[in-house]
């Protein structure tokens, strides 16, 4: 790597992690990337080099632990990028520390599973899944069916839930809900993606085949979240990436959604930085 390469890698990694932080805190309303430059229209700022970006980080009071992760990241960022969905390339990292809301949701889910509350009443006859008992019955009804049928059934059923913003639900700009919280209160885009992800995990789908993905909707100029499932086509044996989206009724191939620009994707074990 030529001199200055490590700095460039560190800057790119810093931009990506902060973008993830702002994306889910509601501070970024639109993101475009090009020519080594990110534009954050939500904050009306433009960064073209690492030095002003770091000055902004300090001024913005980003948590020290988050910044420490960024400074330690160049070795991860230097890994080779691989082709990915939505016409992007991705670089994988096992460092999940910056994703506090994601880790928090999974931790609460782990505790929630042990309680398996069955007392909640249905506020929606469309979803008709109100608690862990209902959820378990629904998933048991899918056991033994082929994977594509399971994927479609989970997507169709969860998309029946009413869309409710985090501000209305929790009084916050952003909150990542557990399945129990979603069944009781419904939620927004990432909450649909999370319950679909955990439903498929319960059905035996391997971790490596599932990703919750933060994207920029190029049409609406807003952040959004979806689930990507890697499914092996029995006719060809090749894996295809399928899109499960609360804004689209049916499961579709990810390549058919050309209006999404992925920012990052994540599961329990890893996260991936995406770029065009």
C-alpha atoms as a PDB file:
ATOM      1  CA  UNK A   1       0.000   0.000   0.000  1.00  0.00           C
ATOM      2  CA  UNK A   2       1.367   3.375  -0.954  1.00  0.00           C
ATOM      3  CA  UNK A   3       2.135   6.000   1.659  1.00  0.00           C
ATOM      4  CA  UNK A   4      -1.029   7.595   2.999  1.00  0.00           C
ATOM      5  CA  UNK A   5      -3.103   4.517   2.123  1.00  0.00           C
ATOM      6  CA  UNK A   6      -3.785   3.648   5.754  1.00  0.00           C
ATOM      7  CA  UNK A   7      -5.056   7.164   6.358  1.00  0.00           C
ATOM      8  CA  UNK A   8      -7.399   6.911   3.404  1.00  0.00           C
ATOM      9  CA  UNK A   9      -8.736   3.572   4.637  1.00  0.00           C
ATOM     10  CA  UNK A  10      -9.229   4.994   8.127  1.00  0.00           C
ATOM     11  CA  UNK A  11     -11.121   7.998   6.729  1.00  0.00           C
ATOM     12  CA  UNK A  12     -13.440   5.808   4.684  1.00  0.00           C
ATOM     13  CA  UNK A  13     -14.097   3.571   7.682  1.00  0.00           C
ATOM     14  CA  UNK A  14     -14.739   6.587   9.889  1.00  0.00           C
ATOM     15  CA  UNK A  15     -17.208   7.986   7.380  1.00  0.00           C
ATOM     16  CA  UNK A  16     -19.063   4.687   7.144  1.00  0.00           C
ATOM     17  CA  UNK A  17     -19.368   4.114  10.874  1.00  0.00           C
ATOM     18  CA  UNK A  18     -20.530   7.655  11.539  1.00  0.00           C
ATOM     19  CA  UNK A  19     -22.955   7.395   8.672  1.00  0.00           C
ATOM     20  CA  UNK A  20     -24.387   4.280  10.326  1.00  0.00           C
ATOM     21  CA  UNK A  21     -24.607   6.149  13.640  1.00  0.00           C
ATOM     22  CA  UNK A  22     -26.379   9.164  12.108  1.00  0.00           C
ATOM     23  CA  UNK A  23     -28.530   7.027   9.807  1.00  0.00           C
ATOM     24  CA  UNK A  24     -30.242   5.317  12.725  1.00  0.00           C
ATOM     25  CA  UNK A  25     -30.319   8.372  14.987  1.00  0.00           C
ATOM     26  CA  UNK A  26     -32.420  10.173  12.372  1.00  0.00           C
ATOM     27  CA  UNK A  27     -29.827  12.865  11.604  1.00  0.00           C
ATOM     28  CA  UNK A  28     -29.202  11.791   8.035  1.00  0.00           C
ATOM     29  CA  UNK A  29     -32.125  12.229   5.673  1.00  0.00           C
ATOM     30  CA  UNK A  30     -30.222  11.536   2.456  1.00  0.00           C
ATOM     31  CA  UNK A  31     -26.826  10.160   1.567  1.00  0.00           C
ATOM     32  CA  UNK A  32     -24.895  10.119  -1.675  1.00  0.00           C
ATOM     33  CA  UNK A  33     -21.407   8.816  -2.260  1.00  0.00           C
ATOM     34  CA  UNK A  34     -19.064   9.578  -5.097  1.00  0.00           C
ATOM     35  CA  UNK A  35     -15.457  10.380  -5.967  1.00  0.00           C
ATOM     36  CA  UNK A  36     -14.271   9.523  -2.470  1.00  0.00           C
ATOM     37  CA  UNK A  37     -16.676  12.033  -0.935  1.00  0.00           C
ATOM     38  CA  UNK A  38     -19.795  11.703   1.263  1.00  0.00           C
ATOM     39  CA  UNK A  39     -22.519  14.362   1.401  1.00  0.00           C
ATOM     40  CA  UNK A  40     -24.723  14.473   4.503  1.00  0.00           C
ATOM     41  CA  UNK A  41     -27.662  16.602   3.510  1.00  0.00           C
ATOM     42  CA  UNK A  42     -29.462  15.958   6.791  1.00  0.00           C
ATOM     43  CA  UNK A  43     -26.719  17.910   8.582  1.00  0.00           C
ATOM     44  CA  UNK A  44     -25.881  20.228   5.646  1.00  0.00           C
ATOM     45  CA  UNK A  45     -22.240  19.237   5.752  1.00  0.00           C
ATOM     46  CA  UNK A  46     -19.717  18.115   3.179  1.00  0.00           C
ATOM     47  CA  UNK A  47     -16.495  16.259   3.969  1.00  0.00           C
ATOM     48  CA  UNK A  48     -13.708  15.822   1.458  1.00  0.00           C
ATOM     49  CA  UNK A  49     -10.833  14.770   3.739  1.00  0.00           C
ATOM     50  CA  UNK A  50     -10.310  13.052   7.058  1.00  0.00           C
ATOM     51  CA  UNK A  51      -9.046  16.043   9.047  1.00  0.00           C
ATOM     52  CA  UNK A  52     -12.248  18.139   8.989  1.00  0.00           C
ATOM     53  CA  UNK A  53     -14.258  14.976   9.490  1.00  0.00           C
ATOM     54  CA  UNK A  54     -12.357  14.167  12.682  1.00  0.00           C
ATOM     55  CA  UNK A  55     -12.775  17.766  13.885  1.00  0.00           C
ATOM     56  CA  UNK A  56     -16.512  17.413  13.346  1.00  0.00           C
ATOM     57  CA  UNK A  57     -16.560  14.113  15.250  1.00  0.00           C
ATOM     58  CA  UNK A  58     -14.921  15.769  18.240  1.00  0.00           C
ATOM     59  CA  UNK A  59     -17.346  18.697  18.125  1.00  0.00           C
ATOM     60  CA  UNK A  60     -20.354  16.416  17.733  1.00  0.00           C
ATOM     61  CA  UNK A  61     -19.586  14.570  20.982  1.00  0.00           C
ATOM     62  CA  UNK A  62     -19.715  11.130  19.435  1.00  0.00           C
ATOM     63  CA  UNK A  63     -19.222   8.562  22.237  1.00  0.00           C
ATOM     64  CA  UNK A  64     -15.562   7.902  23.016  1.00  0.00           C
ATOM     65  CA  UNK A  65     -15.998   4.138  22.752  1.00  0.00           C
ATOM     66  CA  UNK A  66     -17.471   4.576  19.264  1.00  0.00           C
ATOM     67  CA  UNK A  67     -14.539   6.739  18.183  1.00  0.00           C
ATOM     68  CA  UNK A  68     -12.053   4.216  19.632  1.00  0.00           C
ATOM     69  CA  UNK A  69     -13.587   1.514  17.438  1.00  0.00           C
ATOM     70  CA  UNK A  70     -13.153   3.759  14.395  1.00  0.00           C
ATOM     71  CA  UNK A  71      -9.473   4.356  15.106  1.00  0.00           C
ATOM     72  CA  UNK A  72      -8.868   0.618  15.438  1.00  0.00           C
ATOM     73  CA  UNK A  73     -10.684  -0.207  12.199  1.00  0.00           C
ATOM     74  CA  UNK A  74      -8.153   0.281   9.323  1.00  0.00           C
ATOM     75  CA  UNK A  75      -6.922  -3.320   9.496  1.00  0.00           C
ATOM     76  CA  UNK A  76     -10.513  -4.528   9.024  1.00  0.00           C
ATOM     77  CA  UNK A  77     -11.183  -1.978   6.293  1.00  0.00           C
ATOM     78  CA  UNK A  78      -8.139  -3.055   4.297  1.00  0.00           C
ATOM     79  CA  UNK A  79      -9.761  -6.424   3.597  1.00  0.00           C
ATOM     80  CA  UNK A  80     -10.761  -7.144   0.029  1.00  0.00           C
ATOM     81  CA  UNK A  81     -14.227  -6.030  -1.034  1.00  0.00           C
ATOM     82  CA  UNK A  82     -16.566  -8.619  -2.557  1.00  0.00           C
ATOM     83  CA  UNK A  83     -19.548  -8.193  -4.902  1.00  0.00           C
ATOM     84  CA  UNK A  84     -22.845  -7.956  -3.070  1.00  0.00           C
ATOM     85  CA  UNK A  85     -26.556  -7.239  -3.492  1.00  0.00           C
ATOM     86  CA  UNK A  86     -28.038  -3.979  -4.793  1.00  0.00           C
ATOM     87  CA  UNK A  87     -25.087  -3.650  -7.176  1.00  0.00           C
ATOM     88  CA  UNK A  88     -22.642  -2.920  -4.346  1.00  0.00           C
ATOM     89  CA  UNK A  89     -19.411  -4.319  -2.986  1.00  0.00           C
ATOM     90  CA  UNK A  90     -18.970  -5.206   0.666  1.00  0.00           C
ATOM     91  CA  UNK A  91     -16.270  -5.553   3.303  1.00  0.00           C
ATOM     92  CA  UNK A  92     -16.959  -7.676   6.376  1.00  0.00           C
ATOM     93  CA  UNK A  93     -16.134  -6.912  10.001  1.00  0.00           C
ATOM     94  CA  UNK A  94     -16.737  -8.837  13.225  1.00  0.00           C
ATOM     95  CA  UNK A  95     -16.625  -5.670  15.346  1.00  0.00           C
ATOM     96  CA  UNK A  96     -20.248  -5.066  16.356  1.00  0.00           C
ATOM     97  CA  UNK A  97     -19.512  -2.588  19.149  1.00  0.00           C
ATOM     98  CA  UNK A  98     -20.756   0.498  17.245  1.00  0.00           C
ATOM     99  CA  UNK A  99     -24.185  -1.082  16.699  1.00  0.00           C
ATOM    100  CA  UNK A 100     -25.606  -0.586  20.169  1.00  0.00           C
ATOM    101  CA  UNK A 101     -29.285  -0.626  19.168  1.00  0.00           C
ATOM    102  CA  UNK A 102     -28.875  -3.886  17.244  1.00  0.00           C
ATOM    103  CA  UNK A 103     -27.018  -5.588  20.075  1.00  0.00           C
ATOM    104  CA  UNK A 104     -29.533  -4.230  22.560  1.00  0.00           C
ATOM    105  CA  UNK A 105     -32.479  -5.619  20.621  1.00  0.00           C
ATOM    106  CA  UNK A 106     -30.875  -9.075  20.411  1.00  0.00           C
ATOM    107  CA  UNK A 107     -30.060  -9.040  24.128  1.00  0.00           C
ATOM    108  CA  UNK A 108     -33.633  -8.082  25.063  1.00  0.00           C
ATOM    109  CA  UNK A 109     -34.927 -10.749  22.684  1.00  0.00           C
ATOM    110  CA  UNK A 110     -32.809 -13.382  24.446  1.00  0.00           C
ATOM    111  CA  UNK A 111     -34.382 -12.415  27.778  1.00  0.00           C
ATOM    112  CA  UNK A 112     -37.821 -12.123  26.234  1.00  0.00           C
ATOM    113  CA  UNK A 113     -37.675 -15.677  24.860  1.00  0.00           C
ATOM    114  CA  UNK A 114     -37.206 -17.052  28.365  1.00  0.00           C
ATOM    115  CA  UNK A 115     -40.385 -15.360  29.573  1.00  0.00           C
ATOM    116  CA  UNK A 116     -42.431 -16.195  26.452  1.00  0.00           C
ATOM    117  CA  UNK A 117     -45.306 -13.962  27.444  1.00  0.00           C
ATOM    118  CA  UNK A 118     -48.720 -15.253  26.353  1.00  0.00           C
ATOM    119  CA  UNK A 119     -50.888 -12.610  28.018  1.00  0.00           C
ATOM    120  CA  UNK A 120     -50.858  -9.839  25.425  1.00  0.00           C
ATOM    121  CA  UNK A 121     -54.133  -9.184  23.619  1.00  0.00           C
ATOM    122  CA  UNK A 122     -54.406  -8.511  19.896  1.00  0.00           C
ATOM    123  CA  UNK A 123     -54.828  -4.933  18.791  1.00  0.00           C
ATOM    124  CA  UNK A 124     -54.846  -5.977  15.132  1.00  0.00           C
ATOM    125  CA  UNK A 125     -56.886  -8.766  13.589  1.00  0.00           C
ATOM    126  CA  UNK A 126     -54.820  -8.499  10.393  1.00  0.00           C
ATOM    127  CA  UNK A 127     -51.514  -9.630  11.922  1.00  0.00           C
ATOM    128  CA  UNK A 128     -53.221 -11.786  14.576  1.00  0.00           C
ATOM    129  CA  UNK A 129     -49.876 -12.607  16.187  1.00  0.00           C
ATOM    130  CA  UNK A 130     -49.866 -10.974  19.592  1.00  0.00           C
ATOM    131  CA  UNK A 131     -47.391 -12.908  21.715  1.00  0.00           C
ATOM    132  CA  UNK A 132     -44.839 -15.699  21.718  1.00  0.00           C
ATOM    133  CA  UNK A 133     -47.552 -18.353  21.784  1.00  0.00           C
ATOM    134  CA  UNK A 134     -49.161 -17.028  18.609  1.00  0.00           C
ATOM    135  CA  UNK A 135     -45.769 -16.512  16.975  1.00  0.00           C
ATOM    136  CA  UNK A 136     -44.696 -20.058  17.826  1.00  0.00           C
ATOM    137  CA  UNK A 137     -47.936 -21.513  16.445  1.00  0.00           C
ATOM    138  CA  UNK A 138     -47.487 -19.595  13.206  1.00  0.00           C
ATOM    139  CA  UNK A 139     -43.895 -20.802  12.780  1.00  0.00           C
ATOM    140  CA  UNK A 140     -44.767 -24.412  13.665  1.00  0.00           C
ATOM    141  CA  UNK A 141     -47.318 -24.320  10.867  1.00  0.00           C
ATOM    142  CA  UNK A 142     -44.447 -23.646   8.450  1.00  0.00           C
ATOM    143  CA  UNK A 143     -42.239 -26.509   9.620  1.00  0.00           C
ATOM    144  CA  UNK A 144     -41.519 -29.037   6.899  1.00  0.00           C
ATOM    145  CA  UNK A 145     -42.387 -26.663   4.070  1.00  0.00           C
ATOM    146  CA  UNK A 146     -39.776 -25.708   1.488  1.00  0.00           C
ATOM    147  CA  UNK A 147     -37.626 -22.676   2.247  1.00  0.00           C
ATOM    148  CA  UNK A 148     -39.113 -20.384  -0.377  1.00  0.00           C
ATOM    149  CA  UNK A 149     -42.613 -21.055   0.953  1.00  0.00           C
ATOM    150  CA  UNK A 150     -41.387 -20.242   4.462  1.00  0.00           C
ATOM    151  CA  UNK A 151     -39.734 -17.012   3.285  1.00  0.00           C
ATOM    152  CA  UNK A 152     -42.864 -15.868   1.479  1.00  0.00           C
ATOM    153  CA  UNK A 153     -45.161 -16.768   4.370  1.00  0.00           C
ATOM    154  CA  UNK A 154     -43.064 -14.884   6.942  1.00  0.00           C
ATOM    155  CA  UNK A 155     -42.828 -11.821   4.720  1.00  0.00           C
ATOM    156  CA  UNK A 156     -46.554 -11.807   3.911  1.00  0.00           C
ATOM    157  CA  UNK A 157     -47.665 -12.267   7.508  1.00  0.00           C
ATOM    158  CA  UNK A 158     -45.373  -9.698   9.101  1.00  0.00           C
ATOM    159  CA  UNK A 159     -46.166  -7.121   6.436  1.00  0.00           C
ATOM    160  CA  UNK A 160     -49.764  -7.153   7.701  1.00  0.00           C
ATOM    161  CA  UNK A 161     -48.654  -5.273  10.820  1.00  0.00           C
ATOM    162  CA  UNK A 162     -49.442  -1.572  10.987  1.00  0.00           C
ATOM    163  CA  UNK A 163     -46.537   0.805  10.351  1.00  0.00           C
ATOM    164  CA  UNK A 164     -45.925   3.053  13.381  1.00  0.00           C
ATOM    165  CA  UNK A 165     -42.991   5.411  13.769  1.00  0.00           C
ATOM    166  CA  UNK A 166     -40.588   5.143  16.689  1.00  0.00           C
ATOM    167  CA  UNK A 167     -41.541   8.667  17.707  1.00  0.00           C
ATOM    168  CA  UNK A 168     -45.162   7.618  18.154  1.00  0.00           C
ATOM    169  CA  UNK A 169     -44.319   4.262  19.704  1.00  0.00           C
ATOM    170  CA  UNK A 170     -41.412   5.105  21.989  1.00  0.00           C
ATOM    171  CA  UNK A 171     -41.030   8.878  21.954  1.00  0.00           C
ATOM    172  CA  UNK A 172     -37.627   8.482  20.283  1.00  0.00           C
ATOM    173  CA  UNK A 173     -36.186   9.112  16.839  1.00  0.00           C
ATOM    174  CA  UNK A 174     -34.997   5.527  16.579  1.00  0.00           C
ATOM    175  CA  UNK A 175     -35.639   2.325  18.531  1.00  0.00           C
ATOM    176  CA  UNK A 176     -34.900  -1.252  17.464  1.00  0.00           C
ATOM    177  CA  UNK A 177     -37.758  -3.416  18.723  1.00  0.00           C
ATOM    178  CA  UNK A 178     -37.779  -7.053  19.777  1.00  0.00           C
ATOM    179  CA  UNK A 179     -40.413  -9.446  18.379  1.00  0.00           C
ATOM    180  CA  UNK A 180     -42.428  -9.116  21.594  1.00  0.00           C
ATOM    181  CA  UNK A 181     -42.368  -5.341  21.364  1.00  0.00           C
ATOM    182  CA  UNK A 182     -43.312  -5.461  17.681  1.00  0.00           C
ATOM    183  CA  UNK A 183     -46.196  -7.865  18.288  1.00  0.00           C
ATOM    184  CA  UNK A 184     -47.548  -5.633  21.053  1.00  0.00           C
ATOM    185  CA  UNK A 185     -46.907  -2.214  19.491  1.00  0.00           C
ATOM    186  CA  UNK A 186     -46.007  -2.785  15.827  1.00  0.00           C
ATOM    187  CA  UNK A 187     -43.154  -0.641  14.503  1.00  0.00           C
ATOM    188  CA  UNK A 188     -41.225   0.838  11.610  1.00  0.00           C
ATOM    189  CA  UNK A 189     -38.999  -0.540   8.860  1.00  0.00           C
ATOM    190  CA  UNK A 190     -36.161  -2.075  10.875  1.00  0.00           C
ATOM    191  CA  UNK A 191     -38.671  -3.691  13.249  1.00  0.00           C
ATOM    192  CA  UNK A 192     -40.315  -5.555  10.357  1.00  0.00           C
ATOM    193  CA  UNK A 193     -36.851  -6.657   9.208  1.00  0.00           C
ATOM    194  CA  UNK A 194     -35.875  -7.830  12.701  1.00  0.00           C
ATOM    195  CA  UNK A 195     -38.944 -10.001  13.321  1.00  0.00           C
ATOM    196  CA  UNK A 196     -38.608 -11.517   9.829  1.00  0.00           C
ATOM    197  CA  UNK A 197     -34.929 -12.226  10.496  1.00  0.00           C
ATOM    198  CA  UNK A 198     -35.663 -13.880  13.847  1.00  0.00           C
ATOM    199  CA  UNK A 199     -38.644 -15.800  12.429  1.00  0.00           C
ATOM    200  CA  UNK A 200     -36.429 -17.359   9.775  1.00  0.00           C
ATOM    201  CA  UNK A 201     -33.751 -18.126  12.364  1.00  0.00           C
ATOM    202  CA  UNK A 202     -36.425 -19.960  14.367  1.00  0.00           C
ATOM    203  CA  UNK A 203     -37.259 -21.939  11.231  1.00  0.00           C
ATOM    204  CA  UNK A 204     -33.649 -23.067  10.954  1.00  0.00           C
ATOM    205  CA  UNK A 205     -32.227 -20.652   8.412  1.00  0.00           C
ATOM    206  CA  UNK A 206     -28.469 -20.287   9.037  1.00  0.00           C
ATOM    207  CA  UNK A 207     -27.095 -16.980  10.282  1.00  0.00           C
ATOM    208  CA  UNK A 208     -24.932 -16.494   7.190  1.00  0.00           C
ATOM    209  CA  UNK A 209     -28.022 -16.476   4.946  1.00  0.00           C
ATOM    210  CA  UNK A 210     -29.699 -13.542   6.679  1.00  0.00           C
ATOM    211  CA  UNK A 211     -28.920  -9.807   6.751  1.00  0.00           C
ATOM    212  CA  UNK A 212     -30.777  -6.806   8.099  1.00  0.00           C
ATOM    213  CA  UNK A 213     -29.793  -4.048   5.667  1.00  0.00           C
ATOM    214  CA  UNK A 214     -29.794  -0.272   6.084  1.00  0.00           C
ATOM    215  CA  UNK A 215     -30.354   1.362   2.724  1.00  0.00           C
ATOM    216  CA  UNK A 216     -30.920   4.757   1.226  1.00  0.00           C
ATOM    217  CA  UNK A 217     -34.115   4.929  -0.812  1.00  0.00           C
ATOM    218  CA  UNK A 218     -32.963   6.839  -3.884  1.00  0.00           C
ATOM    219  CA  UNK A 219     -36.531   7.679  -4.876  1.00  0.00           C
ATOM    220  CA  UNK A 220     -37.762   9.034  -1.545  1.00  0.00           C
ATOM    221  CA  UNK A 221     -34.340  10.305  -0.366  1.00  0.00           C
ATOM    222  CA  UNK A 222     -34.752   8.716   3.068  1.00  0.00           C
ATOM    223  CA  UNK A 223     -33.192   5.937   5.096  1.00  0.00           C
ATOM    224  CA  UNK A 224     -34.923   2.553   5.128  1.00  0.00           C
ATOM    225  CA  UNK A 225     -34.286  -1.005   6.369  1.00  0.00           C
ATOM    226  CA  UNK A 226     -35.031  -4.377   4.780  1.00  0.00           C
ATOM    227  CA  UNK A 227     -34.137  -8.038   5.153  1.00  0.00           C
ATOM    228  CA  UNK A 228     -32.008  -9.875   2.609  1.00  0.00           C
ATOM    229  CA  UNK A 229     -32.191 -13.684   2.515  1.00  0.00           C
ATOM    230  CA  UNK A 230     -29.727 -15.806   0.560  1.00  0.00           C
ATOM    231  CA  UNK A 231     -31.741 -18.677  -0.886  1.00  0.00           C
ATOM    232  CA  UNK A 232     -30.418 -21.628  -2.888  1.00  0.00           C
ATOM    233  CA  UNK A 233     -32.488 -22.055  -6.045  1.00  0.00           C
ATOM    234  CA  UNK A 234     -33.224 -25.820  -6.272  1.00  0.00           C
ATOM    235  CA  UNK A 235     -33.260 -25.634 -10.080  1.00  0.00           C
ATOM    236  CA  UNK A 236     -29.739 -24.263 -10.424  1.00  0.00           C
ATOM    237  CA  UNK A 237     -28.188 -24.804  -6.994  1.00  0.00           C
ATOM    238  CA  UNK A 238     -27.035 -21.176  -7.031  1.00  0.00           C
ATOM    239  CA  UNK A 239     -27.777 -18.825  -4.185  1.00  0.00           C
ATOM    240  CA  UNK A 240     -29.923 -15.801  -4.925  1.00  0.00           C
ATOM    241  CA  UNK A 241     -30.449 -12.774  -2.718  1.00  0.00           C
ATOM    242  CA  UNK A 242     -34.129 -12.194  -1.978  1.00  0.00           C
ATOM    243  CA  UNK A 243     -35.594  -8.947  -0.694  1.00  0.00           C
ATOM    244  CA  UNK A 244     -38.142  -8.909   2.141  1.00  0.00           C
ATOM    245  CA  UNK A 245     -39.470  -5.359   2.429  1.00  0.00           C
ATOM    246  CA  UNK A 246     -42.423  -3.943   4.337  1.00  0.00           C
ATOM    247  CA  UNK A 247     -43.006  -1.585   1.379  1.00  0.00           C
ATOM    248  CA  UNK A 248     -43.281  -4.436  -1.156  1.00  0.00           C
ATOM    249  CA  UNK A 249     -46.029  -7.047  -0.802  1.00  0.00           C
ATOM    250  CA  UNK A 250     -44.176  -9.943  -2.399  1.00  0.00           C
ATOM    251  CA  UNK A 251     -40.701 -11.386  -1.955  1.00  0.00           C
ATOM    252  CA  UNK A 252     -38.606 -10.297  -4.940  1.00  0.00           C
ATOM    253  CA  UNK A 253     -35.062 -10.759  -6.170  1.00  0.00           C
ATOM    254  CA  UNK A 254     -32.840  -8.015  -4.757  1.00  0.00           C
ATOM    255  CA  UNK A 255     -31.627  -7.154  -8.267  1.00  0.00           C
ATOM    256  CA  UNK A 256     -35.140  -5.978  -9.157  1.00  0.00           C
ATOM    257  CA  UNK A 257     -34.982  -3.165  -6.562  1.00  0.00           C
ATOM    258  CA  UNK A 258     -32.793  -0.579  -8.245  1.00  0.00           C
ATOM    259  CA  UNK A 259     -33.792   2.305  -5.994  1.00  0.00           C
ATOM    260  CA  UNK A 260     -31.910   1.058  -2.918  1.00  0.00           C
ATOM    261  CA  UNK A 261     -28.324   1.992  -2.105  1.00  0.00           C
ATOM    262  CA  UNK A 262     -27.031  -0.157   0.778  1.00  0.00           C
ATOM    263  CA  UNK A 263     -25.136   1.538   3.596  1.00  0.00           C
ATOM    264  CA  UNK A 264     -24.454  -1.433   5.844  1.00  0.00           C
ATOM    265  CA  UNK A 265     -25.845  -4.905   6.526  1.00  0.00           C
ATOM    266  CA  UNK A 266     -25.708  -6.906   9.734  1.00  0.00           C
ATOM    267  CA  UNK A 267     -26.537 -10.164  11.469  1.00  0.00           C
ATOM    268  CA  UNK A 268     -25.648 -11.649  14.852  1.00  0.00           C
ATOM    269  CA  UNK A 269     -22.063 -12.443  13.898  1.00  0.00           C
ATOM    270  CA  UNK A 270     -20.850  -9.757  11.476  1.00  0.00           C
ATOM    271  CA  UNK A 271     -21.575  -6.476   9.787  1.00  0.00           C
ATOM    272  CA  UNK A 272     -20.699  -5.419   6.250  1.00  0.00           C
ATOM    273  CA  UNK A 273     -19.857  -2.002   4.885  1.00  0.00           C
ATOM    274  CA  UNK A 274     -21.315  -1.461   1.409  1.00  0.00           C
ATOM    275  CA  UNK A 275     -20.322   0.929  -1.327  1.00  0.00           C
ATOM    276  CA  UNK A 276     -21.237   1.332  -4.973  1.00  0.00           C
END
